[in-house]
Protein backbone atom coordinates (compact mmCIF):
# COMPACT_ATOMS: atom_id res chain seq x y z
CA MET A 1 -6.78 45.89 8.91
CA LEU A 2 -6.09 46.73 12.67
CA TYR A 3 -3.97 44.22 14.70
CA ARG A 4 -4.37 45.77 18.12
CA HIS A 5 -5.59 44.25 21.22
CA PRO A 6 -9.40 44.71 21.66
CA ARG A 7 -8.90 46.56 25.09
CA ALA A 8 -6.40 49.06 23.60
CA VAL A 9 -8.86 50.48 21.07
CA ASN A 10 -9.27 54.12 20.61
CA SER A 11 -12.55 55.89 20.41
CA ALA A 12 -12.72 55.80 16.42
CA LEU A 13 -12.42 52.19 16.50
CA THR A 14 -15.11 51.84 19.09
CA GLU A 15 -17.53 53.82 16.86
CA LYS A 16 -16.62 51.46 13.98
CA MET A 17 -17.25 48.44 16.21
CA GLU A 18 -20.59 49.87 17.21
CA CYS A 19 -21.43 50.33 13.60
CA ALA A 20 -20.41 46.82 12.75
CA HIS A 21 -22.38 45.57 15.73
CA THR A 22 -25.65 47.30 14.37
CA ILE A 23 -25.20 46.31 10.72
CA HIS A 24 -23.97 42.70 11.02
CA GLY A 25 -25.17 41.66 14.38
CA THR A 26 -21.68 40.84 15.61
CA PHE A 27 -19.04 42.45 17.53
CA ILE A 28 -16.04 41.05 15.59
CA LEU A 29 -14.55 43.20 13.05
CA LYS A 30 -12.63 41.78 9.94
CA GLY A 31 -9.06 41.27 10.85
CA TYR A 32 -9.75 41.59 14.59
CA MET A 33 -10.75 37.91 15.45
CA PHE A 34 -9.15 36.18 18.37
CA ARG A 35 -6.01 34.19 17.03
CA PRO A 36 -4.67 31.21 19.13
CA ASN A 37 -0.91 30.79 19.12
CA GLU A 38 -0.43 29.54 15.52
CA ASN A 39 3.05 28.44 16.15
CA ARG A 40 1.81 26.00 19.01
CA ILE A 41 -0.80 24.43 16.67
CA LEU A 42 1.82 23.82 13.97
CA LEU A 43 4.15 22.45 16.58
CA TRP A 44 1.48 19.86 17.72
CA GLY A 45 0.59 19.06 14.22
CA ALA A 46 4.09 18.25 13.19
CA ILE A 47 4.57 16.03 16.50
CA LEU A 48 1.45 14.17 15.76
CA PHE A 49 2.24 13.65 12.13
CA PHE A 50 5.80 12.26 12.87
CA ALA A 51 4.56 10.11 15.77
CA THR A 52 2.01 8.45 13.51
CA LEU A 53 4.60 7.98 10.75
CA ILE A 54 6.98 6.43 13.23
CA VAL A 55 4.39 4.09 14.62
CA GLY A 56 3.32 3.13 11.27
CA VAL A 57 6.75 2.33 10.07
CA ALA A 58 7.47 0.35 13.23
CA LEU A 59 4.28 -1.87 12.66
CA ILE A 60 5.02 -2.72 9.06
CA PRO A 61 7.05 -5.77 9.70
CA MET A 62 4.61 -7.19 12.36
CA GLY A 63 1.55 -7.25 9.99
CA GLY A 64 3.69 -7.82 6.64
CA THR A 65 4.78 -10.89 5.20
CA THR A 66 8.40 -11.83 5.14
CA VAL A 67 9.55 -14.20 2.49
CA THR A 68 12.92 -15.86 2.68
CA ARG A 69 14.32 -18.28 -0.09
CA GLU A 70 16.42 -21.23 0.91
CA ALA A 71 18.17 -23.32 -1.72
CA ILE A 72 17.90 -27.17 -0.85
CA PRO A 73 19.84 -30.06 -2.44
CA ASP A 74 18.36 -31.96 -5.53
CA GLU A 75 15.78 -34.63 -4.58
CA ARG A 76 15.84 -38.01 -6.22
CA VAL A 77 12.31 -39.58 -6.55
CA GLN A 78 12.32 -43.38 -6.66
CA HIS A 79 9.72 -45.90 -7.51
CA VAL A 80 7.78 -43.85 -10.16
CA GLU A 81 5.09 -46.15 -11.59
CA ARG A 82 3.22 -43.62 -13.83
CA VAL A 83 3.80 -40.18 -15.25
CA LEU A 84 0.96 -37.88 -16.43
CA ILE A 85 1.83 -34.77 -18.41
CA HIS A 86 -0.80 -32.22 -17.85
CA ASP A 87 0.68 -29.23 -19.82
CA LEU A 88 3.85 -28.72 -21.54
CA GLY A 89 5.35 -25.36 -22.64
CA ASP A 90 8.41 -24.71 -24.79
CA THR A 91 10.51 -24.99 -21.64
CA ASN A 92 8.11 -25.53 -18.52
CA GLY A 93 6.09 -28.69 -17.67
CA ASN A 94 3.13 -29.53 -15.38
CA PHE A 95 3.49 -33.20 -14.20
CA THR A 96 1.96 -35.93 -11.82
CA LEU A 97 4.28 -38.64 -10.85
CA PHE A 98 2.59 -41.74 -9.05
CA ILE A 99 5.03 -43.20 -6.61
CA GLN A 100 4.40 -46.77 -5.32
CA GLU A 101 6.52 -47.71 -2.31
CA PRO A 102 7.96 -51.28 -2.06
CA GLY A 103 5.45 -53.51 -0.40
CA SER A 104 2.59 -51.23 -0.81
CA GLN A 105 -0.41 -51.33 -3.07
CA GLU A 106 -1.16 -47.60 -2.85
CA LEU A 107 -0.10 -45.06 -5.50
CA LYS A 108 0.77 -41.69 -4.12
CA PRO A 109 0.61 -38.70 -6.43
CA MET A 110 3.34 -36.08 -6.51
CA ARG A 111 2.33 -32.96 -8.56
CA ILE A 112 5.38 -31.07 -9.95
CA TYR A 113 5.49 -27.63 -11.74
CA ALA A 114 9.04 -27.45 -13.28
CA LYS A 115 10.55 -24.58 -15.03
CA THR A 116 12.64 -26.84 -17.28
CA TYR A 117 12.28 -30.50 -17.98
CA ARG A 118 14.22 -33.46 -19.55
CA VAL A 119 12.99 -36.96 -20.43
CA VAL A 120 15.54 -39.60 -20.60
CA LYS A 121 14.81 -43.11 -21.87
CA ASP A 122 17.35 -45.27 -19.86
CA VAL A 123 15.36 -47.47 -17.34
CA PRO A 124 15.45 -51.41 -17.99
CA ARG A 125 12.13 -53.03 -18.91
CA ASN A 126 10.92 -54.33 -15.24
CA SER A 127 12.66 -51.74 -13.30
CA PRO A 128 10.82 -48.93 -11.48
CA MET A 129 11.35 -45.27 -13.19
CA TRP A 130 12.76 -42.45 -11.38
CA ALA A 131 13.15 -38.69 -11.42
CA ILE A 132 15.36 -35.98 -10.08
CA LYS A 133 13.86 -32.69 -9.00
CA GLY A 134 16.60 -30.06 -9.34
CA GLN A 135 17.33 -26.43 -8.70
CA LEU A 136 15.11 -26.44 -5.61
CA VAL A 137 14.23 -23.44 -3.68
CA LYS A 138 12.04 -23.55 -0.47
CA ILE A 139 10.05 -20.32 -0.08
CA LYS A 140 9.17 -19.67 3.60
CA HIS A 141 6.60 -17.35 4.92
CA ASN A 142 5.66 -16.01 8.50
CA ASP A 143 2.85 -18.61 8.51
CA PRO A 144 4.39 -21.98 7.62
CA SER A 145 1.00 -23.08 5.99
CA TYR A 146 2.12 -20.91 3.14
CA ASP A 147 5.53 -22.57 2.66
CA TYR A 148 6.22 -24.36 -0.53
CA VAL A 149 9.07 -25.63 -2.82
CA THR A 150 9.72 -24.50 -6.37
CA VAL A 151 11.23 -26.97 -8.88
CA GLY A 152 13.68 -25.56 -11.28
CA SER A 153 14.23 -28.64 -13.36
CA LEU A 154 12.71 -32.13 -13.69
CA GLU A 155 14.60 -35.03 -15.09
CA LEU A 156 12.28 -37.91 -15.84
CA HIS A 157 13.96 -41.29 -16.46
CA ILE A 158 11.57 -43.62 -18.24
CA ARG A 159 11.33 -47.23 -19.52
CA ASN A 160 9.94 -46.22 -23.03
CA GLU A 161 7.53 -43.54 -24.64
CA LYS A 162 4.45 -45.56 -23.37
CA ASP A 163 5.16 -44.56 -19.88
CA LEU A 164 4.12 -40.96 -20.56
CA GLU A 165 0.49 -40.39 -20.49
CA GLY A 166 -1.53 -37.20 -21.20
CA ALA A 167 -3.87 -35.63 -18.65
CA ALA A 168 -6.11 -32.65 -18.12
CA TRP A 169 -5.07 -29.13 -17.57
CA GLU A 170 -6.74 -25.97 -16.75
CA ARG A 171 -5.57 -22.29 -17.27
CA THR A 172 -7.43 -19.22 -15.58
CA TYR A 173 -6.49 -15.84 -16.35
CA HIS A 174 -8.01 -12.32 -16.30
CA ARG A 175 -8.82 -10.47 -19.52
CA ASN A 176 -10.77 -6.95 -19.69
CA LYS A 177 -12.10 -7.32 -16.13
CA SER A 178 -13.59 -10.79 -16.45
CA THR A 179 -12.03 -14.14 -15.62
CA VAL A 180 -11.41 -16.72 -18.49
CA THR A 181 -10.82 -20.29 -17.94
CA GLU A 182 -9.56 -22.69 -20.43
CA ARG A 183 -9.63 -26.52 -20.10
CA GLY A 184 -8.04 -29.08 -22.22
CA ALA A 185 -6.02 -32.20 -22.16
CA THR A 186 -2.65 -33.25 -23.38
CA ILE A 187 -2.48 -36.25 -25.59
CA VAL A 188 0.81 -38.15 -25.89
CA LEU A 189 1.39 -39.73 -29.24
CA CYS A 190 3.67 -42.66 -29.52
CA CYS A 191 5.38 -44.76 -32.20
CA GLN A 192 5.02 -48.54 -31.91
């Protein structure tokens, strides 16, 4: 291969070029093509790559979700009139508490998913039940509509076993690229 400038070609090369011209219909011999400055192309490619990388890294916090956790004090829930048990695991539980404020006829539901639970039978017969939601952690997102509070423990204070009622539950999970939904109900059996 020859790496000479096309104007500095001797007569033997000119004959080869003419020969190449007649056979292939082109004036360019192998190895004699115009080559732009390869270093300049590599430099601009590297600059473009790193500029894209820097802009991409700078934009991650803007579009991403930042989640912060904030511990909040335990909360005492007063005036519990009814307790529904949706699902109980070995340690965790899924409950709905119905709260009736004094002077109101409305029962307001409060759904609680607790990691641990405890039921204590210590409320007098005609008194309202109560509960303590403990180990609370508020999960905050960039968008406040996605904020929620996790309940680490729930302590229910009831009058007797009849205050606990079973309720429906539903579990959805994915198995072998399909969605499986199980439905059922928790039944609470009490002694007289």
